N, C-alpha and C. Protein backbone atom coordinates (compact mmCIF):
# COMPACT_ATOMS: atom_id res chain seq x y z
N MET A 1 -24.68 0.22 -1.04
CA MET A 1 -23.80 0.19 -2.03
C MET A 1 -22.23 -0.92 -2.06
N ASP A 2 -22.33 -1.73 -2.54
CA ASP A 2 -21.16 -3.11 -1.95
C ASP A 2 -19.66 -2.20 -2.19
N LYS A 3 -18.78 -2.67 -1.68
CA LYS A 3 -17.28 -1.71 -1.89
C LYS A 3 -16.88 -3.28 -3.21
N ILE A 4 -15.91 -2.94 -3.93
CA ILE A 4 -15.30 -3.36 -4.82
C ILE A 4 -14.12 -4.33 -4.13
N ILE A 5 -14.06 -5.36 -4.30
CA ILE A 5 -13.09 -6.16 -3.42
C ILE A 5 -11.47 -6.27 -4.38
N HIS A 6 -10.89 -5.71 -4.47
CA HIS A 6 -9.35 -5.88 -5.09
C HIS A 6 -8.25 -6.68 -4.53
N PRO A 7 -7.95 -7.59 -5.29
CA PRO A 7 -6.67 -8.47 -4.82
C PRO A 7 -5.67 -7.65 -4.58
N PHE A 8 -4.70 -8.33 -3.43
CA PHE A 8 -4.05 -6.79 -2.82
C PHE A 8 -2.59 -7.06 -4.20
N ARG A 9 -2.55 -7.75 -4.95
CA ARG A 9 -1.40 -7.73 -6.44
C ARG A 9 -1.71 -6.55 -6.71
N GLU A 10 -3.28 -6.19 -7.42
CA GLU A 10 -3.81 -4.77 -8.11
C GLU A 10 -3.37 -3.94 -7.37
N LEU A 11 -3.52 -3.95 -6.13
CA LEU A 11 -2.81 -2.44 -5.39
C LEU A 11 -1.61 -1.95 -6.02
N PHE A 12 -0.60 -2.98 -6.19
CA PHE A 12 0.90 -2.42 -6.65
C PHE A 12 0.66 -2.49 -8.12
N ALA A 13 -0.53 -2.58 -8.58
CA ALA A 13 -0.40 -2.75 -9.77
C ALA A 13 -0.98 -0.72 -10.40
N GLN A 14 -2.06 -0.51 -9.45
CA GLN A 14 -2.45 0.60 -9.41
C GLN A 14 -1.60 1.53 -8.77
N LEU A 15 -0.41 1.14 -8.44
CA LEU A 15 0.64 2.40 -7.76
C LEU A 15 1.46 2.08 -8.94
N GLY A 16 1.39 1.63 -9.45
CA GLY A 16 2.70 1.32 -10.79
C GLY A 16 3.73 0.91 -10.45
N LEU A 17 3.77 0.00 -9.53
CA LEU A 17 4.53 -0.74 -9.20
C LEU A 17 4.41 -2.24 -9.60
N PRO A 18 5.72 -3.30 -9.93
CA PRO A 18 5.08 -4.67 -10.30
C PRO A 18 4.37 -5.36 -9.68
N SER A 19 3.43 -6.25 -9.84
CA SER A 19 2.52 -6.82 -9.24
C SER A 19 2.16 -8.38 -9.05
N ASP A 20 3.37 -9.19 -9.35
CA ASP A 20 3.77 -10.68 -9.90
C ASP A 20 4.68 -10.95 -7.91
N VAL A 21 3.85 -11.89 -7.79
CA VAL A 21 4.49 -12.12 -6.44
C VAL A 21 5.82 -11.83 -5.80
N ALA A 22 6.79 -12.45 -7.05
CA ALA A 22 8.02 -11.93 -6.58
C ALA A 22 8.39 -10.60 -6.21
N SER A 23 7.81 -9.70 -6.79
CA SER A 23 8.10 -8.32 -7.07
C SER A 23 7.43 -7.69 -5.71
N ILE A 24 6.10 -8.08 -5.38
CA ILE A 24 5.72 -7.94 -3.88
C ILE A 24 6.27 -8.31 -3.17
N THR A 25 6.87 -9.13 -2.66
CA THR A 25 7.61 -9.68 -1.87
C THR A 25 8.99 -8.86 -1.50
N LYS A 26 9.57 -8.59 -2.41
CA LYS A 26 10.96 -7.87 -2.60
C LYS A 26 10.52 -6.80 -2.04
N PHE A 27 9.46 -5.88 -2.85
CA PHE A 27 8.82 -4.63 -1.78
C PHE A 27 9.02 -4.30 -0.61
N ILE A 28 8.30 -5.59 0.03
CA ILE A 28 7.87 -5.95 1.52
C ILE A 28 9.10 -5.58 2.15
N GLN A 29 10.10 -6.39 1.64
CA GLN A 29 11.58 -6.82 2.25
C GLN A 29 12.11 -5.75 2.25
N VAL A 30 12.59 -5.23 0.87
CA VAL A 30 13.43 -4.02 0.98
C VAL A 30 12.64 -2.23 1.95
N HIS A 31 11.42 -2.48 2.40
CA HIS A 31 10.75 -1.38 2.67
C HIS A 31 10.17 -1.53 4.20
N SER A 32 10.49 -2.93 4.78
CA SER A 32 10.11 -3.19 6.42
C SER A 32 11.30 -3.33 6.81
N PRO A 33 11.49 -3.13 8.29
CA PRO A 33 10.32 -2.76 8.98
C PRO A 33 9.58 -1.01 8.97
N LEU A 34 8.83 -0.63 8.38
CA LEU A 34 7.88 0.89 8.16
C LEU A 34 7.87 1.06 10.08
N PRO A 35 8.70 1.99 10.41
CA PRO A 35 8.04 2.53 12.02
C PRO A 35 6.92 2.53 11.88
N GLY A 36 5.79 2.14 13.29
CA GLY A 36 4.87 2.26 13.47
C GLY A 36 4.62 4.11 13.66
N HIS A 37 5.51 5.00 13.96
CA HIS A 37 5.26 6.38 14.33
C HIS A 37 5.23 6.97 12.71
N ILE A 38 5.45 6.02 11.86
CA ILE A 38 5.17 6.88 10.22
C ILE A 38 3.75 6.43 9.50
N ALA A 39 3.29 7.34 8.92
CA ALA A 39 1.86 6.68 8.23
C ALA A 39 2.42 6.46 6.93
N LEU A 40 1.80 5.34 6.80
CA LEU A 40 1.77 4.70 5.45
C LEU A 40 2.19 5.88 4.10
N PRO A 41 1.26 6.73 4.23
CA PRO A 41 1.36 7.72 2.88
C PRO A 41 2.95 8.61 3.25
N ASP A 42 3.03 8.66 4.20
CA ASP A 42 4.50 9.52 4.63
C ASP A 42 6.16 8.43 4.53
N ALA A 43 5.88 7.37 4.09
CA ALA A 43 6.95 6.99 4.03
C ALA A 43 7.56 7.13 2.82
N ASP A 44 9.12 7.45 2.98
CA ASP A 44 9.96 8.17 1.99
C ASP A 44 10.14 7.20 0.75
N PHE A 45 9.78 6.29 0.24
CA PHE A 45 9.77 5.59 -0.58
C PHE A 45 8.66 5.44 -1.66
N TRP A 46 7.80 6.13 -1.09
CA TRP A 46 6.77 6.67 -2.31
C TRP A 46 7.13 7.77 -3.45
N THR A 47 6.33 7.72 -4.38
CA THR A 47 6.31 8.91 -5.41
C THR A 47 5.62 10.36 -4.56
N PRO A 48 5.15 11.36 -5.09
CA PRO A 48 3.80 12.24 -4.81
C PRO A 48 2.30 11.33 -5.06
N ALA A 49 2.80 11.06 -6.40
CA ALA A 49 1.76 10.84 -6.39
C ALA A 49 1.02 9.33 -6.09
N GLN A 50 1.83 8.67 -5.83
CA GLN A 50 1.76 7.31 -4.87
C GLN A 50 1.29 7.67 -3.88
N ALA A 51 1.83 8.68 -2.89
CA ALA A 51 1.39 8.94 -1.47
C ALA A 51 0.34 9.72 -1.57
N ASP A 52 -0.02 10.52 -2.59
CA ASP A 52 -1.45 10.96 -2.51
C ASP A 52 -2.76 10.06 -2.85
N PHE A 53 -2.43 8.96 -3.82
CA PHE A 53 -3.75 7.65 -3.82
C PHE A 53 -3.74 7.55 -2.09
N LEU A 54 -2.47 7.24 -1.58
CA LEU A 54 -3.06 6.23 -0.59
C LEU A 54 -3.53 7.19 0.46
N ARG A 55 -2.59 8.55 0.97
CA ARG A 55 -3.76 9.12 1.45
C ARG A 55 -5.11 9.63 1.18
N GLU A 56 -5.32 9.66 0.10
CA GLU A 56 -7.03 9.97 -0.38
C GLU A 56 -7.81 8.53 -0.01
N THR A 57 -6.83 7.55 -0.25
CA THR A 57 -7.46 6.18 -0.13
C THR A 57 -8.10 5.95 1.19
N LEU A 58 -7.37 6.39 1.96
CA LEU A 58 -7.44 5.95 3.60
C LEU A 58 -8.73 7.26 4.21
N GLN A 59 -8.73 8.17 3.68
CA GLN A 59 -9.11 9.59 3.99
C GLN A 59 -10.37 9.28 3.93
N GLU A 60 -10.86 8.70 2.83
CA GLU A 60 -12.05 8.38 1.98
C GLU A 60 -12.41 7.38 2.18
N ASP A 61 -12.00 6.01 3.23
CA ASP A 61 -12.05 5.09 2.77
C ASP A 61 -12.93 4.56 1.43
N ALA A 62 -12.00 4.86 0.46
CA ALA A 62 -11.75 4.40 -0.56
C ALA A 62 -11.78 2.74 -0.67
N GLU A 63 -12.40 2.26 -1.84
CA GLU A 63 -12.36 0.88 -2.46
C GLU A 63 -11.46 -0.16 -2.33
N TRP A 64 -9.94 1.13 -2.09
CA TRP A 64 -8.53 0.51 -1.77
C TRP A 64 -8.35 0.36 -0.70
N ALA A 65 -8.73 1.15 0.17
CA ALA A 65 -8.53 0.60 1.77
C ALA A 65 -8.09 -0.36 2.22
N ASN A 66 -8.95 -1.45 2.39
CA ASN A 66 -8.79 -2.61 2.92
C ASN A 66 -7.20 -2.71 2.17
N GLN A 67 -6.81 -2.90 1.21
CA GLN A 67 -5.54 -3.31 0.41
C GLN A 67 -4.36 -2.06 1.13
N VAL A 68 -5.04 -0.69 1.28
CA VAL A 68 -3.73 -0.38 1.90
C VAL A 68 -3.23 -0.82 3.14
N ASP A 69 -4.60 -1.06 3.82
CA ASP A 69 -4.26 -1.25 5.53
C ASP A 69 -3.86 -2.73 5.56
N GLN A 70 -3.72 -3.14 4.67
CA GLN A 70 -2.90 -4.71 4.59
C GLN A 70 -1.52 -4.29 4.16
N LEU A 71 -1.15 -3.61 3.13
CA LEU A 71 -0.12 -3.42 3.08
C LEU A 71 0.73 -2.57 4.12
N SER A 72 0.13 -1.97 4.66
CA SER A 72 0.51 -0.94 6.03
C SER A 72 0.82 -2.01 6.52
N GLU A 73 -0.41 -3.22 7.16
CA GLU A 73 0.70 -3.80 8.36
C GLU A 73 1.56 -5.16 7.72
N ALA A 74 1.67 -5.30 6.49
CA ALA A 74 2.41 -6.36 5.91
C ALA A 74 4.28 -5.61 6.16
N LEU A 75 3.98 -4.19 5.67
CA LEU A 75 5.38 -3.45 5.95
C LEU A 75 6.20 -3.47 7.31
N ARG A 76 4.94 -3.44 8.37
CA ARG A 76 5.11 -3.25 9.99
C ARG A 76 5.43 -4.54 10.63
N ALA A 77 5.22 -5.56 9.58
CA ALA A 77 5.30 -7.17 10.48
C ALA A 77 6.84 -7.52 10.44
N ASN A 78 7.51 -6.88 9.31
CA ASN A 78 8.77 -7.49 9.16
C ASN A 78 9.78 -6.88 10.31
């Protein structure tokens, strides 16, 4: 079965965050850089539900996994 490919902005909507370009840019700026030793779901800026979603997505290699990886890279790049 093919995986569904979601645009990056839809991950923010899935997490209950504003998903317009300006809001995504601001979120990444505010929360960067995320140290390499902290797993994305363990960052202190997530709600418990958001952290659970991210953790489960990565563990199950679910349909959002590519976008979660992209977010992790974006947070570590700045």
